[in-house]
N, C-alpha and C. Protein backbone atom coordinates (compact mmCIF):
# COMPACT_ATOMS: atom_id res chain seq x y z
N MET A 1 0.82 -1.19 0.01
CA MET A 1 0.01 0.00 -0.01
C MET A 1 0.86 1.24 0.01
N ARG A 2 1.88 1.22 0.79
CA ARG A 2 2.78 2.36 0.89
C ARG A 2 3.46 2.64 -0.46
N CYS A 3 3.86 1.57 -1.14
CA CYS A 3 4.55 1.67 -2.43
C CYS A 3 3.59 2.28 -3.49
N SER A 4 2.34 1.92 -3.46
CA SER A 4 1.37 2.47 -4.43
C SER A 4 1.13 3.94 -4.18
N ASN A 5 1.13 4.39 -2.92
CA ASN A 5 0.96 5.81 -2.58
C ASN A 5 2.14 6.61 -3.14
N ILE A 6 3.35 6.05 -3.03
CA ILE A 6 4.53 6.75 -3.50
C ILE A 6 4.47 6.83 -5.05
N LEU A 7 4.04 5.77 -5.71
CA LEU A 7 3.93 5.78 -7.16
C LEU A 7 2.88 6.82 -7.62
N ILE A 8 1.80 6.91 -6.91
CA ILE A 8 0.74 7.88 -7.26
C ILE A 8 1.28 9.29 -7.09
N MET A 9 2.00 9.56 -6.00
CA MET A 9 2.56 10.89 -5.77
C MET A 9 3.59 11.25 -6.85
N MET A 10 4.39 10.27 -7.25
CA MET A 10 5.40 10.53 -8.27
C MET A 10 4.69 10.80 -9.63
N LEU A 11 3.66 10.08 -9.93
CA LEU A 11 2.88 10.28 -11.16
C LEU A 11 2.28 11.67 -11.18
N LEU A 12 1.69 12.11 -10.08
CA LEU A 12 1.09 13.44 -9.98
C LEU A 12 2.15 14.53 -10.16
N LEU A 13 3.31 14.32 -9.62
CA LEU A 13 4.40 15.28 -9.74
C LEU A 13 4.84 15.41 -11.20
N VAL A 14 4.97 14.28 -11.89
CA VAL A 14 5.37 14.29 -13.29
C VAL A 14 4.31 15.01 -14.15
N VAL A 15 3.04 14.69 -13.91
CA VAL A 15 1.95 15.31 -14.68
C VAL A 15 1.92 16.83 -14.45
N SER A 16 2.07 17.26 -13.22
CA SER A 16 2.01 18.69 -12.93
C SER A 16 3.22 19.42 -13.54
N GLN A 17 4.38 18.79 -13.53
CA GLN A 17 5.57 19.42 -14.14
C GLN A 17 5.41 19.48 -15.66
N THR A 18 4.83 18.47 -16.25
CA THR A 18 4.61 18.45 -17.69
C THR A 18 3.64 19.57 -18.10
N ALA A 19 2.60 19.76 -17.34
CA ALA A 19 1.62 20.85 -17.65
C ALA A 19 2.31 22.20 -17.53
N ALA A 20 3.14 22.38 -16.51
CA ALA A 20 3.86 23.64 -16.30
C ALA A 20 4.80 23.92 -17.47
N LEU A 21 5.53 22.89 -17.92
CA LEU A 21 6.47 23.04 -19.03
C LEU A 21 5.73 23.38 -20.32
N GLU A 22 4.57 22.73 -20.58
CA GLU A 22 3.76 23.03 -21.75
C GLU A 22 3.30 24.46 -21.76
N ALA A 23 2.90 24.98 -20.60
CA ALA A 23 2.44 26.38 -20.49
C ALA A 23 3.59 27.33 -20.79
N LEU A 24 4.80 27.03 -20.36
CA LEU A 24 5.98 27.86 -20.64
C LEU A 24 6.36 27.79 -22.10
N ALA A 25 6.10 26.67 -22.73
CA ALA A 25 6.50 26.49 -24.14
C ALA A 25 5.55 27.20 -25.10
N GLN A 26 4.40 27.63 -24.66
CA GLN A 26 3.45 28.28 -25.54
C GLN A 26 3.96 29.66 -25.97
N THR A 27 3.67 30.02 -27.19
CA THR A 27 4.02 31.37 -27.70
C THR A 27 3.01 32.34 -27.11
N PRO A 28 3.33 33.63 -27.14
CA PRO A 28 2.37 34.62 -26.62
C PRO A 28 1.02 34.54 -27.34
N THR A 29 1.02 34.25 -28.68
CA THR A 29 -0.24 34.14 -29.40
C THR A 29 -1.04 32.98 -28.89
N GLN A 30 -0.42 31.83 -28.64
CA GLN A 30 -1.13 30.69 -28.10
C GLN A 30 -1.69 30.99 -26.71
N GLN A 31 -0.89 31.68 -25.89
CA GLN A 31 -1.36 32.01 -24.53
C GLN A 31 -2.54 32.96 -24.59
N ALA A 32 -2.53 33.89 -25.55
CA ALA A 32 -3.60 34.91 -25.61
C ALA A 32 -4.87 34.33 -26.22
N SER A 33 -4.79 33.25 -26.99
CA SER A 33 -6.00 32.72 -27.62
C SER A 33 -6.44 31.42 -26.96
N GLN A 34 -6.74 31.52 -25.69
CA GLN A 34 -7.26 30.36 -24.95
C GLN A 34 -8.72 30.16 -25.26
N ARG A 35 -9.17 28.92 -25.26
CA ARG A 35 -10.57 28.58 -25.50
C ARG A 35 -11.43 29.03 -24.33
N LEU A 36 -12.58 29.57 -24.67
CA LEU A 36 -13.57 29.95 -23.66
C LEU A 36 -14.69 28.92 -23.63
N SER A 37 -15.32 28.78 -22.54
CA SER A 37 -16.39 27.80 -22.39
C SER A 37 -17.69 28.34 -22.97
N PRO A 38 -18.39 27.55 -23.79
CA PRO A 38 -19.72 27.98 -24.29
C PRO A 38 -20.71 28.14 -23.17
N ARG A 39 -20.46 27.52 -22.00
CA ARG A 39 -21.38 27.62 -20.88
C ARG A 39 -21.36 28.99 -20.25
N GLU A 40 -20.20 29.69 -20.37
CA GLU A 40 -20.11 31.05 -19.87
C GLU A 40 -20.84 31.98 -20.82
N LYS A 41 -21.90 32.57 -20.35
CA LYS A 41 -22.72 33.41 -21.23
C LYS A 41 -22.60 34.85 -20.77
N PRO A 42 -21.82 35.65 -21.46
CA PRO A 42 -21.72 37.08 -21.08
C PRO A 42 -23.05 37.78 -21.37
N ALA A 43 -23.24 38.88 -20.67
CA ALA A 43 -24.45 39.65 -20.85
C ALA A 43 -24.52 40.17 -22.29
N LEU A 44 -25.73 40.19 -22.85
CA LEU A 44 -25.92 40.72 -24.19
C LEU A 44 -25.68 42.24 -24.19
N ASP A 45 -25.04 42.70 -25.24
CA ASP A 45 -24.76 44.15 -25.34
C ASP A 45 -25.74 44.76 -26.32
N ARG A 46 -26.72 45.47 -25.79
CA ARG A 46 -27.75 46.12 -26.61
C ARG A 46 -27.48 47.61 -26.72
N THR A 47 -26.25 48.07 -26.44
CA THR A 47 -25.97 49.51 -26.46
C THR A 47 -25.85 50.03 -27.87
N GLY A 48 -25.52 49.22 -28.85
CA GLY A 48 -25.35 49.68 -30.22
C GLY A 48 -23.98 50.32 -30.46
N LYS A 49 -23.07 50.30 -29.48
CA LYS A 49 -21.78 50.89 -29.65
C LYS A 49 -20.85 50.00 -30.46
N LYS A 50 -19.96 50.68 -31.19
CA LYS A 50 -18.98 49.92 -31.97
C LYS A 50 -17.93 49.32 -31.06
N ARG A 51 -17.32 48.24 -31.52
CA ARG A 51 -16.26 47.59 -30.76
C ARG A 51 -15.16 47.16 -31.71
N ILE A 52 -13.96 47.08 -31.16
CA ILE A 52 -12.77 46.68 -31.96
C ILE A 52 -12.20 45.41 -31.34
N GLY A 53 -11.85 44.46 -32.15
CA GLY A 53 -11.27 43.24 -31.71
C GLY A 53 -10.85 42.38 -32.88
N LYS A 54 -10.66 41.10 -32.64
CA LYS A 54 -10.22 40.19 -33.70
C LYS A 54 -11.44 39.43 -34.28
N ALA A 55 -11.36 39.17 -35.58
CA ALA A 55 -12.37 38.36 -36.24
C ALA A 55 -11.69 37.14 -36.85
N SER A 56 -12.38 36.04 -36.76
CA SER A 56 -11.93 34.82 -37.44
C SER A 56 -13.11 34.39 -38.32
N PHE A 57 -12.96 33.24 -39.00
CA PHE A 57 -14.09 32.78 -39.80
C PHE A 57 -14.34 31.33 -39.60
N TYR A 58 -15.59 30.92 -39.90
CA TYR A 58 -16.03 29.57 -39.70
C TYR A 58 -15.18 28.58 -40.56
N ALA A 59 -14.86 27.45 -39.98
CA ALA A 59 -14.18 26.37 -40.71
C ALA A 59 -15.20 25.68 -41.63
N ARG A 60 -14.70 24.98 -42.64
CA ARG A 60 -15.58 24.28 -43.58
C ARG A 60 -16.48 23.29 -42.90
N MET A 61 -16.00 22.69 -41.81
CA MET A 61 -16.77 21.62 -41.14
C MET A 61 -18.11 22.14 -40.60
N PHE A 62 -18.28 23.51 -40.47
CA PHE A 62 -19.52 24.03 -39.92
C PHE A 62 -20.58 24.25 -41.01
N GLU A 63 -20.22 24.09 -42.28
CA GLU A 63 -21.17 24.30 -43.38
C GLU A 63 -22.37 23.35 -43.19
N GLY A 64 -23.56 23.97 -43.19
CA GLY A 64 -24.79 23.17 -43.10
C GLY A 64 -25.21 22.85 -41.67
N ARG A 65 -24.34 23.09 -40.68
CA ARG A 65 -24.72 22.83 -39.30
C ARG A 65 -25.68 23.91 -38.79
N LYS A 66 -26.50 23.50 -37.85
CA LYS A 66 -27.52 24.42 -37.32
C LYS A 66 -26.82 25.50 -36.45
N MET A 67 -27.22 26.74 -36.72
CA MET A 67 -26.72 27.83 -35.90
C MET A 67 -27.68 28.11 -34.74
N ALA A 68 -27.31 29.04 -33.89
CA ALA A 68 -28.11 29.33 -32.69
C ALA A 68 -29.55 29.80 -33.05
N ASN A 69 -29.75 30.38 -34.20
CA ASN A 69 -31.09 30.82 -34.61
C ASN A 69 -31.90 29.71 -35.29
N GLY A 70 -31.29 28.51 -35.42
CA GLY A 70 -31.99 27.36 -35.98
C GLY A 70 -31.78 27.16 -37.46
N LYS A 71 -31.16 28.09 -38.14
CA LYS A 71 -30.93 27.94 -39.58
C LYS A 71 -29.60 27.25 -39.82
N ALA A 72 -29.47 26.69 -41.03
CA ALA A 72 -28.21 26.02 -41.40
C ALA A 72 -27.17 27.09 -41.76
N MET A 73 -25.92 26.86 -41.39
CA MET A 73 -24.84 27.80 -41.73
C MET A 73 -24.52 27.72 -43.21
N ASP A 74 -24.65 28.80 -43.91
CA ASP A 74 -24.34 28.87 -45.34
C ASP A 74 -23.07 29.70 -45.50
N PRO A 75 -21.98 29.10 -45.95
CA PRO A 75 -20.71 29.80 -46.03
C PRO A 75 -20.68 30.94 -47.09
N MET A 76 -21.73 30.98 -47.92
CA MET A 76 -21.76 32.00 -48.97
C MET A 76 -22.60 33.22 -48.56
N ARG A 77 -23.21 33.20 -47.43
CA ARG A 77 -24.06 34.32 -46.96
C ARG A 77 -23.28 35.14 -45.92
N ASN A 78 -23.78 36.33 -45.63
CA ASN A 78 -23.12 37.21 -44.68
C ASN A 78 -23.65 37.00 -43.25
N ASN A 79 -23.51 35.73 -42.79
CA ASN A 79 -23.90 35.48 -41.41
C ASN A 79 -22.65 35.49 -40.53
N ALA A 80 -22.87 35.67 -39.23
CA ALA A 80 -21.75 35.76 -38.30
C ALA A 80 -22.16 35.30 -36.92
N ALA A 81 -21.19 35.10 -36.05
CA ALA A 81 -21.44 34.70 -34.68
C ALA A 81 -20.81 35.74 -33.76
N SER A 82 -21.53 36.02 -32.66
CA SER A 82 -21.02 36.92 -31.64
C SER A 82 -21.48 36.39 -30.28
N ARG A 83 -20.66 36.51 -29.29
CA ARG A 83 -21.00 36.08 -27.95
C ARG A 83 -21.87 37.12 -27.25
N THR A 84 -21.73 38.40 -27.63
CA THR A 84 -22.41 39.46 -26.89
C THR A 84 -23.50 40.21 -27.67
N LEU A 85 -23.44 40.25 -29.00
CA LEU A 85 -24.47 40.94 -29.74
C LEU A 85 -25.70 40.03 -29.84
N PRO A 86 -26.90 40.58 -29.67
CA PRO A 86 -28.11 39.77 -29.76
C PRO A 86 -28.29 39.14 -31.15
N LEU A 87 -28.86 37.96 -31.19
CA LEU A 87 -29.19 37.32 -32.48
C LEU A 87 -30.14 38.25 -33.26
N GLY A 88 -29.88 38.40 -34.56
CA GLY A 88 -30.67 39.26 -35.39
C GLY A 88 -30.07 40.66 -35.57
N THR A 89 -28.99 40.97 -34.84
CA THR A 89 -28.32 42.24 -35.00
C THR A 89 -27.72 42.33 -36.40
N THR A 90 -27.90 43.45 -37.04
CA THR A 90 -27.23 43.74 -38.32
C THR A 90 -26.13 44.70 -38.02
N ALA A 91 -24.91 44.42 -38.56
CA ALA A 91 -23.76 45.23 -38.24
C ALA A 91 -22.86 45.38 -39.44
N LYS A 92 -22.08 46.44 -39.44
CA LYS A 92 -21.06 46.66 -40.45
C LYS A 92 -19.73 46.20 -39.82
N VAL A 93 -19.04 45.29 -40.48
CA VAL A 93 -17.75 44.83 -40.00
C VAL A 93 -16.65 45.37 -40.98
N THR A 94 -15.62 45.99 -40.42
CA THR A 94 -14.58 46.60 -41.23
C THR A 94 -13.24 46.01 -40.83
N ASN A 95 -12.51 45.50 -41.81
CA ASN A 95 -11.16 45.04 -41.57
C ASN A 95 -10.28 46.26 -41.46
N LEU A 96 -9.65 46.46 -40.27
CA LEU A 96 -8.89 47.69 -40.03
C LEU A 96 -7.55 47.66 -40.80
N ASN A 97 -7.13 46.52 -41.32
CA ASN A 97 -5.90 46.44 -42.09
C ASN A 97 -6.13 46.80 -43.54
N THR A 98 -7.29 46.42 -44.10
CA THR A 98 -7.57 46.67 -45.53
C THR A 98 -8.57 47.81 -45.75
N GLY A 99 -9.34 48.16 -44.74
CA GLY A 99 -10.37 49.17 -44.88
C GLY A 99 -11.65 48.68 -45.56
N LYS A 100 -11.68 47.39 -45.95
CA LYS A 100 -12.85 46.83 -46.59
C LYS A 100 -13.93 46.49 -45.56
N SER A 101 -15.20 46.66 -45.95
CA SER A 101 -16.32 46.44 -45.06
C SER A 101 -17.37 45.52 -45.68
N ALA A 102 -18.20 44.95 -44.81
CA ALA A 102 -19.34 44.15 -45.26
C ALA A 102 -20.41 44.27 -44.18
N VAL A 103 -21.65 44.04 -44.59
CA VAL A 103 -22.78 44.05 -43.66
C VAL A 103 -23.09 42.60 -43.32
N ILE A 104 -23.20 42.30 -41.99
CA ILE A 104 -23.43 40.96 -41.51
C ILE A 104 -24.69 40.92 -40.65
N THR A 105 -25.22 39.74 -40.46
CA THR A 105 -26.32 39.49 -39.51
C THR A 105 -25.81 38.47 -38.50
N ILE A 106 -25.98 38.77 -37.22
CA ILE A 106 -25.60 37.83 -36.15
C ILE A 106 -26.65 36.77 -36.07
N GLN A 107 -26.25 35.49 -36.37
CA GLN A 107 -27.16 34.38 -36.36
C GLN A 107 -26.70 33.22 -35.51
N ASP A 108 -25.52 33.39 -34.86
CA ASP A 108 -24.95 32.27 -34.12
C ASP A 108 -24.18 32.82 -32.90
N ARG A 109 -23.80 31.93 -32.03
CA ARG A 109 -23.00 32.29 -30.84
C ARG A 109 -21.57 31.83 -31.07
N GLY A 110 -20.64 32.57 -30.57
CA GLY A 110 -19.22 32.31 -30.69
C GLY A 110 -18.53 33.62 -30.98
N PRO A 111 -17.30 33.70 -31.21
CA PRO A 111 -16.28 32.67 -31.15
C PRO A 111 -15.95 32.36 -29.69
N TYR A 112 -15.46 31.17 -29.45
CA TYR A 112 -15.10 30.77 -28.09
C TYR A 112 -13.59 30.76 -27.92
N VAL A 113 -12.95 31.79 -28.44
CA VAL A 113 -11.50 31.97 -28.27
C VAL A 113 -11.30 33.37 -27.69
N SER A 114 -10.51 33.48 -26.66
CA SER A 114 -10.24 34.73 -26.00
C SER A 114 -9.70 35.79 -26.98
N GLY A 115 -10.23 37.00 -26.89
CA GLY A 115 -9.76 38.10 -27.74
C GLY A 115 -10.50 38.24 -29.05
N ARG A 116 -11.28 37.26 -29.43
CA ARG A 116 -12.06 37.37 -30.68
C ARG A 116 -13.46 37.83 -30.41
N ILE A 117 -13.97 38.75 -31.25
CA ILE A 117 -15.29 39.28 -30.98
C ILE A 117 -16.32 38.82 -32.02
N VAL A 118 -15.89 38.27 -33.11
CA VAL A 118 -16.84 37.82 -34.15
C VAL A 118 -16.22 36.72 -35.02
N ASP A 119 -17.10 35.75 -35.37
CA ASP A 119 -16.73 34.72 -36.35
C ASP A 119 -17.53 35.06 -37.60
N LEU A 120 -16.87 35.11 -38.74
CA LEU A 120 -17.55 35.47 -39.99
C LEU A 120 -17.69 34.22 -40.91
N SER A 121 -18.66 34.32 -41.81
CA SER A 121 -18.75 33.28 -42.83
C SER A 121 -17.54 33.40 -43.74
N PRO A 122 -17.10 32.33 -44.39
CA PRO A 122 -15.96 32.42 -45.30
C PRO A 122 -16.13 33.47 -46.39
N ALA A 123 -17.33 33.63 -46.93
CA ALA A 123 -17.58 34.61 -47.98
C ALA A 123 -17.36 36.06 -47.44
N THR A 124 -17.84 36.30 -46.25
CA THR A 124 -17.66 37.64 -45.66
C THR A 124 -16.20 37.89 -45.35
N ALA A 125 -15.52 36.90 -44.78
CA ALA A 125 -14.11 37.04 -44.47
C ALA A 125 -13.30 37.38 -45.75
N ARG A 126 -13.61 36.69 -46.82
CA ARG A 126 -12.93 36.89 -48.09
C ARG A 126 -13.24 38.32 -48.61
N ALA A 127 -14.49 38.74 -48.48
CA ALA A 127 -14.89 40.05 -48.97
C ALA A 127 -14.17 41.19 -48.28
N ILE A 128 -13.84 41.03 -47.01
CA ILE A 128 -13.16 42.13 -46.29
C ILE A 128 -11.63 41.89 -46.22
N GLY A 129 -11.15 40.84 -46.87
CA GLY A 129 -9.70 40.65 -46.99
C GLY A 129 -9.07 39.77 -45.93
N ILE A 130 -9.81 38.91 -45.27
CA ILE A 130 -9.19 37.96 -44.37
C ILE A 130 -8.95 36.67 -45.16
N THR A 131 -7.71 36.32 -45.29
CA THR A 131 -7.36 35.14 -46.09
C THR A 131 -7.29 33.91 -45.19
N PRO A 132 -7.43 32.73 -45.76
CA PRO A 132 -7.36 31.51 -44.97
C PRO A 132 -5.96 31.35 -44.30
N ARG A 133 -4.95 31.81 -44.99
CA ARG A 133 -3.58 31.78 -44.43
C ARG A 133 -3.48 32.66 -43.20
N GLN A 134 -4.05 33.85 -43.28
CA GLN A 134 -4.02 34.81 -42.19
C GLN A 134 -4.93 34.34 -41.05
N GLY A 135 -6.16 33.94 -41.39
CA GLY A 135 -7.10 33.38 -40.42
C GLY A 135 -7.78 34.33 -39.48
N VAL A 136 -7.07 35.35 -39.01
CA VAL A 136 -7.60 36.29 -38.03
C VAL A 136 -7.17 37.69 -38.43
N ALA A 137 -8.05 38.67 -38.22
CA ALA A 137 -7.67 40.08 -38.49
C ALA A 137 -8.35 40.99 -37.49
N LYS A 138 -7.76 42.16 -37.30
CA LYS A 138 -8.34 43.16 -36.42
C LYS A 138 -9.47 43.87 -37.15
N VAL A 139 -10.62 43.91 -36.51
CA VAL A 139 -11.84 44.50 -37.15
C VAL A 139 -12.54 45.45 -36.23
N GLN A 140 -13.38 46.27 -36.84
CA GLN A 140 -14.33 47.09 -36.08
C GLN A 140 -15.74 46.60 -36.43
N VAL A 141 -16.53 46.35 -35.40
CA VAL A 141 -17.91 45.93 -35.61
C VAL A 141 -18.83 47.06 -35.15
N SER A 142 -19.56 47.64 -36.09
CA SER A 142 -20.48 48.75 -35.78
C SER A 142 -21.90 48.29 -36.02
N PRO A 143 -22.69 48.13 -34.97
CA PRO A 143 -24.08 47.70 -35.16
C PRO A 143 -24.87 48.72 -35.97
N ILE A 144 -25.73 48.21 -36.85
CA ILE A 144 -26.61 49.04 -37.63
C ILE A 144 -27.99 49.04 -36.93
N THR A 145 -28.54 47.83 -36.71
CA THR A 145 -29.77 47.69 -35.95
C THR A 145 -29.56 46.58 -34.89
N VAL A 146 -30.13 46.83 -33.71
CA VAL A 146 -30.04 45.89 -32.61
C VAL A 146 -31.45 45.58 -32.14
N PRO A 147 -31.83 44.28 -32.16
CA PRO A 147 -33.16 43.90 -31.69
C PRO A 147 -33.27 44.08 -30.17
N LEU A 148 -34.42 44.57 -29.74
CA LEU A 148 -34.68 44.77 -28.30
C LEU A 148 -35.56 43.63 -27.76
N PRO A 149 -35.51 43.40 -26.48
CA PRO A 149 -36.30 42.30 -25.88
C PRO A 149 -37.80 42.39 -26.15
N ASP A 150 -38.32 43.65 -26.28
CA ASP A 150 -39.76 43.83 -26.49
C ASP A 150 -40.18 43.65 -27.94
N GLY A 151 -39.22 43.29 -28.83
CA GLY A 151 -39.53 43.08 -30.22
C GLY A 151 -39.21 44.28 -31.12
N GLY A 152 -38.87 45.41 -30.48
CA GLY A 152 -38.51 46.61 -31.24
C GLY A 152 -37.07 46.53 -31.74
N MET A 153 -36.68 47.60 -32.44
CA MET A 153 -35.31 47.72 -32.95
C MET A 153 -34.70 49.05 -32.50
N MET A 154 -33.39 49.02 -32.27
CA MET A 154 -32.68 50.22 -31.91
C MET A 154 -31.60 50.43 -32.97
N TYR A 155 -31.38 51.69 -33.36
CA TYR A 155 -30.32 52.02 -34.29
C TYR A 155 -28.99 52.02 -33.56
N GLY A 156 -27.93 51.52 -34.23
CA GLY A 156 -26.63 51.43 -33.62
C GLY A 156 -25.67 52.50 -34.15
N ALA A 157 -24.40 52.31 -33.79
CA ALA A 157 -23.33 53.29 -34.10
C ALA A 157 -23.15 53.50 -35.60
N ALA A 158 -23.35 52.48 -36.44
CA ALA A 158 -23.14 52.63 -37.88
C ALA A 158 -24.15 53.61 -38.48
N ILE A 159 -25.35 53.62 -37.94
CA ILE A 159 -26.39 54.59 -38.44
C ILE A 159 -25.95 56.01 -38.11
N GLU A 160 -25.45 56.22 -36.88
CA GLU A 160 -25.02 57.56 -36.50
C GLU A 160 -23.84 58.01 -37.35
N GLU A 161 -22.87 57.08 -37.64
CA GLU A 161 -21.76 57.41 -38.50
C GLU A 161 -22.24 57.80 -39.90
N ALA A 162 -23.19 57.06 -40.43
CA ALA A 162 -23.72 57.38 -41.77
C ALA A 162 -24.45 58.74 -41.76
N ARG A 163 -25.18 58.99 -40.71
CA ARG A 163 -25.90 60.25 -40.60
C ARG A 163 -24.93 61.42 -40.55
N LEU A 164 -23.85 61.30 -39.77
CA LEU A 164 -22.83 62.35 -39.68
C LEU A 164 -22.12 62.55 -41.02
N ALA A 165 -21.83 61.45 -41.70
CA ALA A 165 -21.16 61.54 -43.02
C ALA A 165 -22.06 62.22 -44.04
N SER A 166 -23.34 61.95 -44.00
CA SER A 166 -24.26 62.55 -44.97
C SER A 166 -24.46 64.04 -44.68
N ASN A 167 -24.38 64.43 -43.41
CA ASN A 167 -24.51 65.85 -43.05
C ASN A 167 -23.35 66.67 -43.62
N ASP A 168 -22.17 66.01 -43.74
CA ASP A 168 -21.02 66.72 -44.31
C ASP A 168 -21.26 66.98 -45.81
N ARG A 169 -22.05 66.18 -46.47
CA ARG A 169 -22.27 66.34 -47.92
C ARG A 169 -23.49 67.16 -48.24
N VAL A 170 -24.35 67.40 -47.25
CA VAL A 170 -25.59 68.14 -47.49
C VAL A 170 -25.27 69.63 -47.58
N ARG A 171 -25.78 70.24 -48.69
CA ARG A 171 -25.57 71.66 -48.84
C ARG A 171 -26.80 72.40 -48.38
N GLN A 172 -26.56 73.55 -47.82
CA GLN A 172 -27.67 74.40 -47.39
C GLN A 172 -28.34 74.97 -48.61
N PHE A 173 -29.70 75.02 -48.58
CA PHE A 173 -30.43 75.62 -49.69
C PHE A 173 -31.40 76.66 -49.09
N PRO A 174 -31.50 77.75 -49.58
CA PRO A 174 -30.68 78.31 -50.67
C PRO A 174 -29.28 78.61 -50.17
N PRO A 175 -28.32 78.65 -51.12
CA PRO A 175 -26.95 78.92 -50.74
C PRO A 175 -26.84 80.28 -50.09
N VAL A 176 -25.89 80.41 -49.19
CA VAL A 176 -25.68 81.67 -48.48
C VAL A 176 -25.31 82.76 -49.51
N GLY A 177 -25.94 83.91 -49.41
CA GLY A 177 -25.63 85.02 -50.31
C GLY A 177 -26.63 85.18 -51.44
N TRP A 178 -27.67 84.31 -51.51
CA TRP A 178 -28.68 84.41 -52.55
C TRP A 178 -29.56 85.54 -52.30
């Protein structure tokens, strides 16, 4: 009995040292992109404010699988996943490296990797310049419309940006000096 206790203690020591060495061997990127649990459900963000973070895209294996809204994932459509934006949110996603944008609809939950704020369909990722080789890019997500719990809709940051941009182009009529 005493011999088996010593063997168990030695085995535990080896396992704990191996885990510690593996953690030290990870690159900073691997350490920063730890998996998150799908069971952890952050509060939904209905503020409509824009956010900046990393975007990735769905792997081929998810094609046709049921998303959180019950529909099949179509890699050719502009669907996306967010852990915090409500399902049904329409948003403008902009790749901050290329300046390219696309309009997406949040239809699924994810990504479950630390530091990522949105998973895009392959078609959307391609449209804004995220290549399969690159895999991840820094993006800005600006909600256009955000569904409310009572069934209503709220306008988000992208609408305000568009309104401000159009005000810059609107000319006063009649022109000053007429």
